[in-house]
Amino acid sequence: MEQKYTINGIERSFPAEFKVGTNWY
């Protein structure tokens, strides 16, 4: 999810939020 991408010649990475639980609710 946080790999780098080149957008309009500029390298960017985007932070992602992760949660671990027993169910989605």
PDBML (XML) file of the C-alpha atoms, coordinates in Angstrom:
<?xml version="1.0" encoding="UTF-8" ?>
<PDBx:datablock datablockName="MODEL"
   xmlns:PDBx="http://pdbml.pdb.org/schema/pdbx-v50.xsd"
   xmlns:xsi="http://www.w3.org/2001/XMLSchema-instance"
   xsi:schemaLocation="http://pdbml.pdb.org/schema/pdbx-v50.xsd pdbx-v50.xsd">
   <PDBx:atom_siteCategory>
      <PDBx:atom_site id="1">
         <PDBx:B_iso_or_equiv>0.00</PDBx:B_iso_or_equiv>
         <PDBx:Cartn_x>0.000</PDBx:Cartn_x>
         <PDBx:Cartn_y>0.000</PDBx:Cartn_y>
         <PDBx:Cartn_z>0.000</PDBx:Cartn_z>
         <PDBx:auth_asym_id>A</PDBx:auth_asym_id>
         <PDBx:auth_atom_id>CA</PDBx:auth_atom_id>
         <PDBx:auth_comp_id>MET</PDBx:auth_comp_id>
         <PDBx:auth_seq_id>1</PDBx:auth_seq_id>
         <PDBx:group_PDB>ATOM</PDBx:group_PDB>
         <PDBx:label_alt_id xsi:nil="true" />
         <PDBx:label_asym_id>A</PDBx:label_asym_id>
         <PDBx:label_atom_id>CA</PDBx:label_atom_id>
         <PDBx:label_comp_id>MET</PDBx:label_comp_id>
         <PDBx:label_entity_id>1</PDBx:label_entity_id>
         <PDBx:label_seq_id>1</PDBx:label_seq_id>
         <PDBx:occupancy>1.00</PDBx:occupancy>
         <PDBx:pdbx_PDB_model_num>1</PDBx:pdbx_PDB_model_num>
         <PDBx:type_symbol>C</PDBx:type_symbol>
      </PDBx:atom_site>
      <PDBx:atom_site id="2">
         <PDBx:B_iso_or_equiv>0.00</PDBx:B_iso_or_equiv>
         <PDBx:Cartn_x>2.812</PDBx:Cartn_x>
         <PDBx:Cartn_y>2.446</PDBx:Cartn_y>
         <PDBx:Cartn_z>0.781</PDBx:Cartn_z>
         <PDBx:auth_asym_id>A</PDBx:auth_asym_id>
         <PDBx:auth_atom_id>CA</PDBx:auth_atom_id>
         <PDBx:auth_comp_id>GLU</PDBx:auth_comp_id>
         <PDBx:auth_seq_id>2</PDBx:auth_seq_id>
         <PDBx:group_PDB>ATOM</PDBx:group_PDB>
         <PDBx:label_alt_id xsi:nil="true" />
         <PDBx:label_asym_id>A</PDBx:label_asym_id>
         <PDBx:label_atom_id>CA</PDBx:label_atom_id>
         <PDBx:label_comp_id>GLU</PDBx:label_comp_id>
         <PDBx:label_entity_id>1</PDBx:label_entity_id>
         <PDBx:label_seq_id>2</PDBx:label_seq_id>
         <PDBx:occupancy>1.00</PDBx:occupancy>
         <PDBx:pdbx_PDB_model_num>1</PDBx:pdbx_PDB_model_num>
         <PDBx:type_symbol>C</PDBx:type_symbol>
      </PDBx:atom_site>
      <PDBx:atom_site id="3">
         <PDBx:B_iso_or_equiv>0.00</PDBx:B_iso_or_equiv>
         <PDBx:Cartn_x>5.027</PDBx:Cartn_x>
         <PDBx:Cartn_y>1.792</PDBx:Cartn_y>
         <PDBx:Cartn_z>-2.225</PDBx:Cartn_z>
         <PDBx:auth_asym_id>A</PDBx:auth_asym_id>
         <PDBx:auth_atom_id>CA</PDBx:auth_atom_id>
         <PDBx:auth_comp_id>GLN</PDBx:auth_comp_id>
         <PDBx:auth_seq_id>3</PDBx:auth_seq_id>
         <PDBx:group_PDB>ATOM</PDBx:group_PDB>
         <PDBx:label_alt_id xsi:nil="true" />
         <PDBx:label_asym_id>A</PDBx:label_asym_id>
         <PDBx:label_atom_id>CA</PDBx:label_atom_id>
         <PDBx:label_comp_id>GLN</PDBx:label_comp_id>
         <PDBx:label_entity_id>1</PDBx:label_entity_id>
         <PDBx:label_seq_id>3</PDBx:label_seq_id>
         <PDBx:occupancy>1.00</PDBx:occupancy>
         <PDBx:pdbx_PDB_model_num>1</PDBx:pdbx_PDB_model_num>
         <PDBx:type_symbol>C</PDBx:type_symbol>
      </PDBx:atom_site>
      <PDBx:atom_site id="4">
         <PDBx:B_iso_or_equiv>0.00</PDBx:B_iso_or_equiv>
         <PDBx:Cartn_x>6.279</PDBx:Cartn_x>
         <PDBx:Cartn_y>4.809</PDBx:Cartn_y>
         <PDBx:Cartn_z>-4.157</PDBx:Cartn_z>
         <PDBx:auth_asym_id>A</PDBx:auth_asym_id>
         <PDBx:auth_atom_id>CA</PDBx:auth_atom_id>
         <PDBx:auth_comp_id>LYS</PDBx:auth_comp_id>
         <PDBx:auth_seq_id>4</PDBx:auth_seq_id>
         <PDBx:group_PDB>ATOM</PDBx:group_PDB>
         <PDBx:label_alt_id xsi:nil="true" />
         <PDBx:label_asym_id>A</PDBx:label_asym_id>
         <PDBx:label_atom_id>CA</PDBx:label_atom_id>
         <PDBx:label_comp_id>LYS</PDBx:label_comp_id>
         <PDBx:label_entity_id>1</PDBx:label_entity_id>
         <PDBx:label_seq_id>4</PDBx:label_seq_id>
         <PDBx:occupancy>1.00</PDBx:occupancy>
         <PDBx:pdbx_PDB_model_num>1</PDBx:pdbx_PDB_model_num>
         <PDBx:type_symbol>C</PDBx:type_symbol>
      </PDBx:atom_site>
      <PDBx:atom_site id="5">
         <PDBx:B_iso_or_equiv>0.00</PDBx:B_iso_or_equiv>
         <PDBx:Cartn_x>4.539</PDBx:Cartn_x>
         <PDBx:Cartn_y>6.086</PDBx:Cartn_y>
         <PDBx:Cartn_z>-7.275</PDBx:Cartn_z>
         <PDBx:auth_asym_id>A</PDBx:auth_asym_id>
         <PDBx:auth_atom_id>CA</PDBx:auth_atom_id>
         <PDBx:auth_comp_id>TYR</PDBx:auth_comp_id>
         <PDBx:auth_seq_id>5</PDBx:auth_seq_id>
         <PDBx:group_PDB>ATOM</PDBx:group_PDB>
         <PDBx:label_alt_id xsi:nil="true" />
         <PDBx:label_asym_id>A</PDBx:label_asym_id>
         <PDBx:label_atom_id>CA</PDBx:label_atom_id>
         <PDBx:label_comp_id>TYR</PDBx:label_comp_id>
         <PDBx:label_entity_id>1</PDBx:label_entity_id>
         <PDBx:label_seq_id>5</PDBx:label_seq_id>
         <PDBx:occupancy>1.00</PDBx:occupancy>
         <PDBx:pdbx_PDB_model_num>1</PDBx:pdbx_PDB_model_num>
         <PDBx:type_symbol>C</PDBx:type_symbol>
      </PDBx:atom_site>
      <PDBx:atom_site id="6">
         <PDBx:B_iso_or_equiv>0.00</PDBx:B_iso_or_equiv>
         <PDBx:Cartn_x>5.705</PDBx:Cartn_x>
         <PDBx:Cartn_y>8.651</PDBx:Cartn_y>
         <PDBx:Cartn_z>-9.808</PDBx:Cartn_z>
         <PDBx:auth_asym_id>A</PDBx:auth_asym_id>
         <PDBx:auth_atom_id>CA</PDBx:auth_atom_id>
         <PDBx:auth_comp_id>THR</PDBx:auth_comp_id>
         <PDBx:auth_seq_id>6</PDBx:auth_seq_id>
         <PDBx:group_PDB>ATOM</PDBx:group_PDB>
         <PDBx:label_alt_id xsi:nil="true" />
         <PDBx:label_asym_id>A</PDBx:label_asym_id>
         <PDBx:label_atom_id>CA</PDBx:label_atom_id>
         <PDBx:label_comp_id>THR</PDBx:label_comp_id>
         <PDBx:label_entity_id>1</PDBx:label_entity_id>
         <PDBx:label_seq_id>6</PDBx:label_seq_id>
         <PDBx:occupancy>1.00</PDBx:occupancy>
         <PDBx:pdbx_PDB_model_num>1</PDBx:pdbx_PDB_model_num>
         <PDBx:type_symbol>C</PDBx:type_symbol>
      </PDBx:atom_site>
      <PDBx:atom_site id="7">
         <PDBx:B_iso_or_equiv>0.00</PDBx:B_iso_or_equiv>
         <PDBx:Cartn_x>3.052</PDBx:Cartn_x>
         <PDBx:Cartn_y>11.259</PDBx:Cartn_y>
         <PDBx:Cartn_z>-10.529</PDBx:Cartn_z>
         <PDBx:auth_asym_id>A</PDBx:auth_asym_id>
         <PDBx:auth_atom_id>CA</PDBx:auth_atom_id>
         <PDBx:auth_comp_id>ILE</PDBx:auth_comp_id>
         <PDBx:auth_seq_id>7</PDBx:auth_seq_id>
         <PDBx:group_PDB>ATOM</PDBx:group_PDB>
         <PDBx:label_alt_id xsi:nil="true" />
         <PDBx:label_asym_id>A</PDBx:label_asym_id>
         <PDBx:label_atom_id>CA</PDBx:label_atom_id>
         <PDBx:label_comp_id>ILE</PDBx:label_comp_id>
         <PDBx:label_entity_id>1</PDBx:label_entity_id>
         <PDBx:label_seq_id>7</PDBx:label_seq_id>
         <PDBx:occupancy>1.00</PDBx:occupancy>
         <PDBx:pdbx_PDB_model_num>1</PDBx:pdbx_PDB_model_num>
         <PDBx:type_symbol>C</PDBx:type_symbol>
      </PDBx:atom_site>
      <PDBx:atom_site id="8">
         <PDBx:B_iso_or_equiv>0.00</PDBx:B_iso_or_equiv>
         <PDBx:Cartn_x>3.830</PDBx:Cartn_x>
         <PDBx:Cartn_y>14.073</PDBx:Cartn_y>
         <PDBx:Cartn_z>-12.962</PDBx:Cartn_z>
         <PDBx:auth_asym_id>A</PDBx:auth_asym_id>
         <PDBx:auth_atom_id>CA</PDBx:auth_atom_id>
         <PDBx:auth_comp_id>ASN</PDBx:auth_comp_id>
         <PDBx:auth_seq_id>8</PDBx:auth_seq_id>
         <PDBx:group_PDB>ATOM</PDBx:group_PDB>
         <PDBx:label_alt_id xsi:nil="true" />
         <PDBx:label_asym_id>A</PDBx:label_asym_id>
         <PDBx:label_atom_id>CA</PDBx:label_atom_id>
         <PDBx:label_comp_id>ASN</PDBx:label_comp_id>
         <PDBx:label_entity_id>1</PDBx:label_entity_id>
         <PDBx:label_seq_id>8</PDBx:label_seq_id>
         <PDBx:occupancy>1.00</PDBx:occupancy>
         <PDBx:pdbx_PDB_model_num>1</PDBx:pdbx_PDB_model_num>
         <PDBx:type_symbol>C</PDBx:type_symbol>
      </PDBx:atom_site>
      <PDBx:atom_site id="9">
         <PDBx:B_iso_or_equiv>0.00</PDBx:B_iso_or_equiv>
         <PDBx:Cartn_x>7.530</PDBx:Cartn_x>
         <PDBx:Cartn_y>13.271</PDBx:Cartn_y>
         <PDBx:Cartn_z>-12.646</PDBx:Cartn_z>
         <PDBx:auth_asym_id>A</PDBx:auth_asym_id>
         <PDBx:auth_atom_id>CA</PDBx:auth_atom_id>
         <PDBx:auth_comp_id>GLY</PDBx:auth_comp_id>
         <PDBx:auth_seq_id>9</PDBx:auth_seq_id>
         <PDBx:group_PDB>ATOM</PDBx:group_PDB>
         <PDBx:label_alt_id xsi:nil="true" />
         <PDBx:label_asym_id>A</PDBx:label_asym_id>
         <PDBx:label_atom_id>CA</PDBx:label_atom_id>
         <PDBx:label_comp_id>GLY</PDBx:label_comp_id>
         <PDBx:label_entity_id>1</PDBx:label_entity_id>
         <PDBx:label_seq_id>9</PDBx:label_seq_id>
         <PDBx:occupancy>1.00</PDBx:occupancy>
         <PDBx:pdbx_PDB_model_num>1</PDBx:pdbx_PDB_model_num>
         <PDBx:type_symbol>C</PDBx:type_symbol>
      </PDBx:atom_site>
      <PDBx:atom_site id="10">
         <PDBx:B_iso_or_equiv>0.00</PDBx:B_iso_or_equiv>
         <PDBx:Cartn_x>7.499</PDBx:Cartn_x>
         <PDBx:Cartn_y>13.462</PDBx:Cartn_y>
         <PDBx:Cartn_z>-8.837</PDBx:Cartn_z>
         <PDBx:auth_asym_id>A</PDBx:auth_asym_id>
         <PDBx:auth_atom_id>CA</PDBx:auth_atom_id>
         <PDBx:auth_comp_id>ILE</PDBx:auth_comp_id>
         <PDBx:auth_seq_id>10</PDBx:auth_seq_id>
         <PDBx:group_PDB>ATOM</PDBx:group_PDB>
         <PDBx:label_alt_id xsi:nil="true" />
         <PDBx:label_asym_id>A</PDBx:label_asym_id>
         <PDBx:label_atom_id>CA</PDBx:label_atom_id>
         <PDBx:label_comp_id>ILE</PDBx:label_comp_id>
         <PDBx:label_entity_id>1</PDBx:label_entity_id>
         <PDBx:label_seq_id>10</PDBx:label_seq_id>
         <PDBx:occupancy>1.00</PDBx:occupancy>
         <PDBx:pdbx_PDB_model_num>1</PDBx:pdbx_PDB_model_num>
         <PDBx:type_symbol>C</PDBx:type_symbol>
      </PDBx:atom_site>
      <PDBx:atom_site id="11">
         <PDBx:B_iso_or_equiv>0.00</PDBx:B_iso_or_equiv>
         <PDBx:Cartn_x>7.999</PDBx:Cartn_x>
         <PDBx:Cartn_y>10.368</PDBx:Cartn_y>
         <PDBx:Cartn_z>-6.710</PDBx:Cartn_z>
         <PDBx:auth_asym_id>A</PDBx:auth_asym_id>
         <PDBx:auth_atom_id>CA</PDBx:auth_atom_id>
         <PDBx:auth_comp_id>GLU</PDBx:auth_comp_id>
         <PDBx:auth_seq_id>11</PDBx:auth_seq_id>
         <PDBx:group_PDB>ATOM</PDBx:group_PDB>
         <PDBx:label_alt_id xsi:nil="true" />
         <PDBx:label_asym_id>A</PDBx:label_asym_id>
         <PDBx:label_atom_id>CA</PDBx:label_atom_id>
         <PDBx:label_comp_id>GLU</PDBx:label_comp_id>
         <PDBx:label_entity_id>1</PDBx:label_entity_id>
         <PDBx:label_seq_id>11</PDBx:label_seq_id>
         <PDBx:occupancy>1.00</PDBx:occupancy>
         <PDBx:pdbx_PDB_model_num>1</PDBx:pdbx_PDB_model_num>
         <PDBx:type_symbol>C</PDBx:type_symbol>
      </PDBx:atom_site>
      <PDBx:atom_site id="12">
         <PDBx:B_iso_or_equiv>0.00</PDBx:B_iso_or_equiv>
         <PDBx:Cartn_x>5.400</PDBx:Cartn_x>
         <PDBx:Cartn_y>10.096</PDBx:Cartn_y>
         <PDBx:Cartn_z>-3.949</PDBx:Cartn_z>
         <PDBx:auth_asym_id>A</PDBx:auth_asym_id>
         <PDBx:auth_atom_id>CA</PDBx:auth_atom_id>
         <PDBx:auth_comp_id>ARG</PDBx:auth_comp_id>
         <PDBx:auth_seq_id>12</PDBx:auth_seq_id>
         <PDBx:group_PDB>ATOM</PDBx:group_PDB>
         <PDBx:label_alt_id xsi:nil="true" />
         <PDBx:label_asym_id>A</PDBx:label_asym_id>
         <PDBx:label_atom_id>CA</PDBx:label_atom_id>
         <PDBx:label_comp_id>ARG</PDBx:label_comp_id>
         <PDBx:label_entity_id>1</PDBx:label_entity_id>
         <PDBx:label_seq_id>12</PDBx:label_seq_id>
         <PDBx:occupancy>1.00</PDBx:occupancy>
         <PDBx:pdbx_PDB_model_num>1</PDBx:pdbx_PDB_model_num>
         <PDBx:type_symbol>C</PDBx:type_symbol>
      </PDBx:atom_site>
      <PDBx:atom_site id="13">
         <PDBx:B_iso_or_equiv>0.00</PDBx:B_iso_or_equiv>
         <PDBx:Cartn_x>4.360</PDBx:Cartn_x>
         <PDBx:Cartn_y>7.593</PDBx:Cartn_y>
         <PDBx:Cartn_z>-1.329</PDBx:Cartn_z>
         <PDBx:auth_asym_id>A</PDBx:auth_asym_id>
         <PDBx:auth_atom_id>CA</PDBx:auth_atom_id>
         <PDBx:auth_comp_id>SER</PDBx:auth_comp_id>
         <PDBx:auth_seq_id>13</PDBx:auth_seq_id>
         <PDBx:group_PDB>ATOM</PDBx:group_PDB>
         <PDBx:label_alt_id xsi:nil="true" />
         <PDBx:label_asym_id>A</PDBx:label_asym_id>
         <PDBx:label_atom_id>CA</PDBx:label_atom_id>
         <PDBx:label_comp_id>SER</PDBx:label_comp_id>
         <PDBx:label_entity_id>1</PDBx:label_entity_id>
         <PDBx:label_seq_id>13</PDBx:label_seq_id>
         <PDBx:occupancy>1.00</PDBx:occupancy>
         <PDBx:pdbx_PDB_model_num>1</PDBx:pdbx_PDB_model_num>
         <PDBx:type_symbol>C</PDBx:type_symbol>
      </PDBx:atom_site>
      <PDBx:atom_site id="14">
         <PDBx:B_iso_or_equiv>0.00</PDBx:B_iso_or_equiv>
         <PDBx:Cartn_x>1.069</PDBx:Cartn_x>
         <PDBx:Cartn_y>7.624</PDBx:Cartn_y>
         <PDBx:Cartn_z>0.501</PDBx:Cartn_z>
         <PDBx:auth_asym_id>A</PDBx:auth_asym_id>
         <PDBx:auth_atom_id>CA</PDBx:auth_atom_id>
         <PDBx:auth_comp_id>PHE</PDBx:auth_comp_id>
         <PDBx:auth_seq_id>14</PDBx:auth_seq_id>
         <PDBx:group_PDB>ATOM</PDBx:group_PDB>
         <PDBx:label_alt_id xsi:nil="true" />
         <PDBx:label_asym_id>A</PDBx:label_asym_id>
         <PDBx:label_atom_id>CA</PDBx:label_atom_id>
         <PDBx:label_comp_id>PHE</PDBx:label_comp_id>
         <PDBx:label_entity_id>1</PDBx:label_entity_id>
         <PDBx:label_seq_id>14</PDBx:label_seq_id>
         <PDBx:occupancy>1.00</PDBx:occupancy>
         <PDBx:pdbx_PDB_model_num>1</PDBx:pdbx_PDB_model_num>
         <PDBx:type_symbol>C</PDBx:type_symbol>
      </PDBx:atom_site>
      <PDBx:atom_site id="15">
         <PDBx:B_iso_or_equiv>0.00</PDBx:B_iso_or_equiv>
         <PDBx:Cartn_x>0.711</PDBx:Cartn_x>
         <PDBx:Cartn_y>6.590</PDBx:Cartn_y>
         <PDBx:Cartn_z>4.134</PDBx:Cartn_z>
         <PDBx:auth_asym_id>A</PDBx:auth_asym_id>
         <PDBx:auth_atom_id>CA</PDBx:auth_atom_id>
         <PDBx:auth_comp_id>PRO</PDBx:auth_comp_id>
         <PDBx:auth_seq_id>15</PDBx:auth_seq_id>
         <PDBx:group_PDB>ATOM</PDBx:group_PDB>
         <PDBx:label_alt_id xsi:nil="true" />
         <PDBx:label_asym_id>A</PDBx:label_asym_id>
         <PDBx:label_atom_id>CA</PDBx:label_atom_id>
         <PDBx:label_comp_id>PRO</PDBx:label_comp_id>
         <PDBx:label_entity_id>1</PDBx:label_entity_id>
         <PDBx:label_seq_id>15</PDBx:label_seq_id>
         <PDBx:occupancy>1.00</PDBx:occupancy>
         <PDBx:pdbx_PDB_model_num>1</PDBx:pdbx_PDB_model_num>
         <PDBx:type_symbol>C</PDBx:type_symbol>
      </PDBx:atom_site>
      <PDBx:atom_site id="16">
         <PDBx:B_iso_or_equiv>0.00</PDBx:B_iso_or_equiv>
         <PDBx:Cartn_x>-1.928</PDBx:Cartn_x>
         <PDBx:Cartn_y>4.001</PDBx:Cartn_y>
         <PDBx:Cartn_z>4.955</PDBx:Cartn_z>
         <PDBx:auth_asym_id>A</PDBx:auth_asym_id>
         <PDBx:auth_atom_id>CA</PDBx:auth_atom_id>
         <PDBx:auth_comp_id>ALA</PDBx:auth_comp_id>
         <PDBx:auth_seq_id>16</PDBx:auth_seq_id>
         <PDBx:group_PDB>ATOM</PDBx:group_PDB>
         <PDBx:label_alt_id xsi:nil="true" />
         <PDBx:label_asym_id>A</PDBx:label_asym_id>
         <PDBx:label_atom_id>CA</PDBx:label_atom_id>
         <PDBx:label_comp_id>ALA</PDBx:label_comp_id>
         <PDBx:label_entity_id>1</PDBx:label_entity_id>
         <PDBx:label_seq_id>16</PDBx:label_seq_id>
         <PDBx:occupancy>1.00</PDBx:occupancy>
         <PDBx:pdbx_PDB_model_num>1</PDBx:pdbx_PDB_model_num>
         <PDBx:type_symbol>C</PDBx:type_symbol>
      </PDBx:atom_site>
      <PDBx:atom_site id="17">
         <PDBx:B_iso_or_equiv>0.00</PDBx:B_iso_or_equiv>
         <PDBx:Cartn_x>-3.653</PDBx:Cartn_x>
         <PDBx:Cartn_y>3.210</PDBx:Cartn_y>
         <PDBx:Cartn_z>8.228</PDBx:Cartn_z>
         <PDBx:auth_asym_id>A</PDBx:auth_asym_id>
         <PDBx:auth_atom_id>CA</PDBx:auth_atom_id>
         <PDBx:auth_comp_id>GLU</PDBx:auth_comp_id>
         <PDBx:auth_seq_id>17</PDBx:auth_seq_id>
         <PDBx:group_PDB>ATOM</PDBx:group_PDB>
         <PDBx:label_alt_id xsi:nil="true" />
         <PDBx:label_asym_id>A</PDBx:label_asym_id>
         <PDBx:label_atom_id>CA</PDBx:label_atom_id>
         <PDBx:label_comp_id>GLU</PDBx:label_comp_id>
         <PDBx:label_entity_id>1</PDBx:label_entity_id>
         <PDBx:label_seq_id>17</PDBx:label_seq_id>
         <PDBx:occupancy>1.00</PDBx:occupancy>
         <PDBx:pdbx_PDB_model_num>1</PDBx:pdbx_PDB_model_num>
         <PDBx:type_symbol>C</PDBx:type_symbol>
      </PDBx:atom_site>
      <PDBx:atom_site id="18">
         <PDBx:B_iso_or_equiv>0.00</PDBx:B_iso_or_equiv>
         <PDBx:Cartn_x>-3.883</PDBx:Cartn_x>
         <PDBx:Cartn_y>-0.403</PDBx:Cartn_y>
         <PDBx:Cartn_z>9.381</PDBx:Cartn_z>
         <PDBx:auth_asym_id>A</PDBx:auth_asym_id>
         <PDBx:auth_atom_id>CA</PDBx:auth_atom_id>
         <PDBx:auth_comp_id>PHE</PDBx:auth_comp_id>
         <PDBx:auth_seq_id>18</PDBx:auth_seq_id>
         <PDBx:group_PDB>ATOM</PDBx:group_PDB>
         <PDBx:label_alt_id xsi:nil="true" />
         <PDBx:label_asym_id>A</PDBx:label_asym_id>
         <PDBx:label_atom_id>CA</PDBx:label_atom_id>
         <PDBx:label_comp_id>PHE</PDBx:label_comp_id>
         <PDBx:label_entity_id>1</PDBx:label_entity_id>
         <PDBx:label_seq_id>18</PDBx:label_seq_id>
         <PDBx:occupancy>1.00</PDBx:occupancy>
         <PDBx:pdbx_PDB_model_num>1</PDBx:pdbx_PDB_model_num>
         <PDBx:type_symbol>C</PDBx:type_symbol>
      </PDBx:atom_site>
      <PDBx:atom_site id="19">
         <PDBx:B_iso_or_equiv>0.00</PDBx:B_iso_or_equiv>
         <PDBx:Cartn_x>-6.095</PDBx:Cartn_x>
         <PDBx:Cartn_y>-1.994</PDBx:Cartn_y>
         <PDBx:Cartn_z>11.978</PDBx:Cartn_z>
         <PDBx:auth_asym_id>A</PDBx:auth_asym_id>
         <PDBx:auth_atom_id>CA</PDBx:auth_atom_id>
         <PDBx:auth_comp_id>LYS</PDBx:auth_comp_id>
         <PDBx:auth_seq_id>19</PDBx:auth_seq_id>
         <PDBx:group_PDB>ATOM</PDBx:group_PDB>
         <PDBx:label_alt_id xsi:nil="true" />
         <PDBx:label_asym_id>A</PDBx:label_asym_id>
         <PDBx:label_atom_id>CA</PDBx:label_atom_id>
         <PDBx:label_comp_id>LYS</PDBx:label_comp_id>
         <PDBx:label_entity_id>1</PDBx:label_entity_id>
         <PDBx:label_seq_id>19</PDBx:label_seq_id>
         <PDBx:occupancy>1.00</PDBx:occupancy>
         <PDBx:pdbx_PDB_model_num>1</PDBx:pdbx_PDB_model_num>
         <PDBx:type_symbol>C</PDBx:type_symbol>
      </PDBx:atom_site>
      <PDBx:atom_site id="20">
         <PDBx:B_iso_or_equiv>0.00</PDBx:B_iso_or_equiv>
         <PDBx:Cartn_x>-6.189</PDBx:Cartn_x>
         <PDBx:Cartn_y>-5.558</PDBx:Cartn_y>
         <PDBx:Cartn_z>13.180</PDBx:Cartn_z>
         <PDBx:auth_asym_id>A</PDBx:auth_asym_id>
         <PDBx:auth_atom_id>CA</PDBx:auth_atom_id>
         <PDBx:auth_comp_id>VAL</PDBx:auth_comp_id>
         <PDBx:auth_seq_id>20</PDBx:auth_seq_id>
         <PDBx:group_PDB>ATOM</PDBx:group_PDB>
         <PDBx:label_alt_id xsi:nil="true" />
         <PDBx:label_asym_id>A</PDBx:label_asym_id>
         <PDBx:label_atom_id>CA</PDBx:label_atom_id>
         <PDBx:label_comp_id>VAL</PDBx:label_comp_id>
         <PDBx:label_entity_id>1</PDBx:label_entity_id>
         <PDBx:label_seq_id>20</PDBx:label_seq_id>
         <PDBx:occupancy>1.00</PDBx:occupancy>
         <PDBx:pdbx_PDB_model_num>1</PDBx:pdbx_PDB_model_num>
         <PDBx:type_symbol>C</PDBx:type_symbol>
      </PDBx:atom_site>
      <PDBx:atom_site id="21">
         <PDBx:B_iso_or_equiv>0.00</PDBx:B_iso_or_equiv>
         <PDBx:Cartn_x>-9.304</PDBx:Cartn_x>
         <PDBx:Cartn_y>-6.985</PDBx:Cartn_y>
         <PDBx:Cartn_z>14.779</PDBx:Cartn_z>
         <PDBx:auth_asym_id>A</PDBx:auth_asym_id>
         <PDBx:auth_atom_id>CA</PDBx:auth_atom_id>
         <PDBx:auth_comp_id>GLY</PDBx:auth_comp_id>
         <PDBx:auth_seq_id>21</PDBx:auth_seq_id>
         <PDBx:group_PDB>ATOM</PDBx:group_PDB>
         <PDBx:label_alt_id xsi:nil="true" />
         <PDBx:label_asym_id>A</PDBx:label_asym_id>
         <PDBx:label_atom_id>CA</PDBx:label_atom_id>
         <PDBx:label_comp_id>GLY</PDBx:label_comp_id>
         <PDBx:label_entity_id>1</PDBx:label_entity_id>
         <PDBx:label_seq_id>21</PDBx:label_seq_id>
         <PDBx:occupancy>1.00</PDBx:occupancy>
         <PDBx:pdbx_PDB_model_num>1</PDBx:pdbx_PDB_model_num>
         <PDBx:type_symbol>C</PDBx:type_symbol>
      </PDBx:atom_site>
      <PDBx:atom_site id="22">
         <PDBx:B_iso_or_equiv>0.00</PDBx:B_iso_or_equiv>
         <PDBx:Cartn_x>-11.519</PDBx:Cartn_x>
         <PDBx:Cartn_y>-10.010</PDBx:Cartn_y>
         <PDBx:Cartn_z>15.035</PDBx:Cartn_z>
         <PDBx:auth_asym_id>A</PDBx:auth_asym_id>
         <PDBx:auth_atom_id>CA</PDBx:auth_atom_id>
         <PDBx:auth_comp_id>THR</PDBx:auth_comp_id>
         <PDBx:auth_seq_id>22</PDBx:auth_seq_id>
         <PDBx:group_PDB>ATOM</PDBx:group_PDB>
         <PDBx:label_alt_id xsi:nil="true" />
         <PDBx:label_asym_id>A</PDBx:label_asym_id>
         <PDBx:label_atom_id>CA</PDBx:label_atom_id>
         <PDBx:label_comp_id>THR</PDBx:label_comp_id>
         <PDBx:label_entity_id>1</PDBx:label_entity_id>
         <PDBx:label_seq_id>22</PDBx:label_seq_id>
         <PDBx:occupancy>1.00</PDBx:occupancy>
         <PDBx:pdbx_PDB_model_num>1</PDBx:pdbx_PDB_model_num>
         <PDBx:type_symbol>C</PDBx:type_symbol>
      </PDBx:atom_site>
      <PDBx:atom_site id="23">
         <PDBx:B_iso_or_equiv>0.00</PDBx:B_iso_or_equiv>
         <PDBx:Cartn_x>-14.202</PDBx:Cartn_x>
         <PDBx:Cartn_y>-8.475</PDBx:Cartn_y>
         <PDBx:Cartn_z>12.816</PDBx:Cartn_z>
         <PDBx:auth_asym_id>A</PDBx:auth_asym_id>
         <PDBx:auth_atom_id>CA</PDBx:auth_atom_id>
         <PDBx:auth_comp_id>ASN</PDBx:auth_comp_id>
         <PDBx:auth_seq_id>23</PDBx:auth_seq_id>
         <PDBx:group_PDB>ATOM</PDBx:group_PDB>
         <PDBx:label_alt_id xsi:nil="true" />
         <PDBx:label_asym_id>A</PDBx:label_asym_id>
         <PDBx:label_atom_id>CA</PDBx:label_atom_id>
         <PDBx:label_comp_id>ASN</PDBx:label_comp_id>
         <PDBx:label_entity_id>1</PDBx:label_entity_id>
         <PDBx:label_seq_id>23</PDBx:label_seq_id>
         <PDBx:occupancy>1.00</PDBx:occupancy>
         <PDBx:pdbx_PDB_model_num>1</PDBx:pdbx_PDB_model_num>
         <PDBx:type_symbol>C</PDBx:type_symbol>
      </PDBx:atom_site>
      <PDBx:atom_site id="24">
         <PDBx:B_iso_or_equiv>0.00</PDBx:B_iso_or_equiv>
         <PDBx:Cartn_x>-14.862</PDBx:Cartn_x>
         <PDBx:Cartn_y>-5.389</PDBx:Cartn_y>
         <PDBx:Cartn_z>10.724</PDBx:Cartn_z>
         <PDBx:auth_asym_id>A</PDBx:auth_asym_id>
         <PDBx:auth_atom_id>CA</PDBx:auth_atom_id>
         <PDBx:auth_comp_id>TRP</PDBx:auth_comp_id>
         <PDBx:auth_seq_id>24</PDBx:auth_seq_id>
         <PDBx:group_PDB>ATOM</PDBx:group_PDB>
         <PDBx:label_alt_id xsi:nil="true" />
         <PDBx:label_asym_id>A</PDBx:label_asym_id>
         <PDBx:label_atom_id>CA</PDBx:label_atom_id>
         <PDBx:label_comp_id>TRP</PDBx:label_comp_id>
         <PDBx:label_entity_id>1</PDBx:label_entity_id>
         <PDBx:label_seq_id>24</PDBx:label_seq_id>
         <PDBx:occupancy>1.00</PDBx:occupancy>
         <PDBx:pdbx_PDB_model_num>1</PDBx:pdbx_PDB_model_num>
         <PDBx:type_symbol>C</PDBx:type_symbol>
      </PDBx:atom_site>
      <PDBx:atom_site id="25">
         <PDBx:B_iso_or_equiv>0.00</PDBx:B_iso_or_equiv>
         <PDBx:Cartn_x>-17.460</PDBx:Cartn_x>
         <PDBx:Cartn_y>-4.001</PDBx:Cartn_y>
         <PDBx:Cartn_z>13.111</PDBx:Cartn_z>
         <PDBx:auth_asym_id>A</PDBx:auth_asym_id>
         <PDBx:auth_atom_id>CA</PDBx:auth_atom_id>
         <PDBx:auth_comp_id>TYR</PDBx:auth_comp_id>
         <PDBx:auth_seq_id>25</PDBx:auth_seq_id>
         <PDBx:group_PDB>ATOM</PDBx:group_PDB>
         <PDBx:label_alt_id xsi:nil="true" />
         <PDBx:label_asym_id>A</PDBx:label_asym_id>
         <PDBx:label_atom_id>CA</PDBx:label_atom_id>
         <PDBx:label_comp_id>TYR</PDBx:label_comp_id>
         <PDBx:label_entity_id>1</PDBx:label_entity_id>
         <PDBx:label_seq_id>25</PDBx:label_seq_id>
         <PDBx:occupancy>1.00</PDBx:occupancy>
         <PDBx:pdbx_PDB_model_num>1</PDBx:pdbx_PDB_model_num>
         <PDBx:type_symbol>C</PDBx:type_symbol>
      </PDBx:atom_site>
   </PDBx:atom_siteCategory>
</PDBx:datablock>
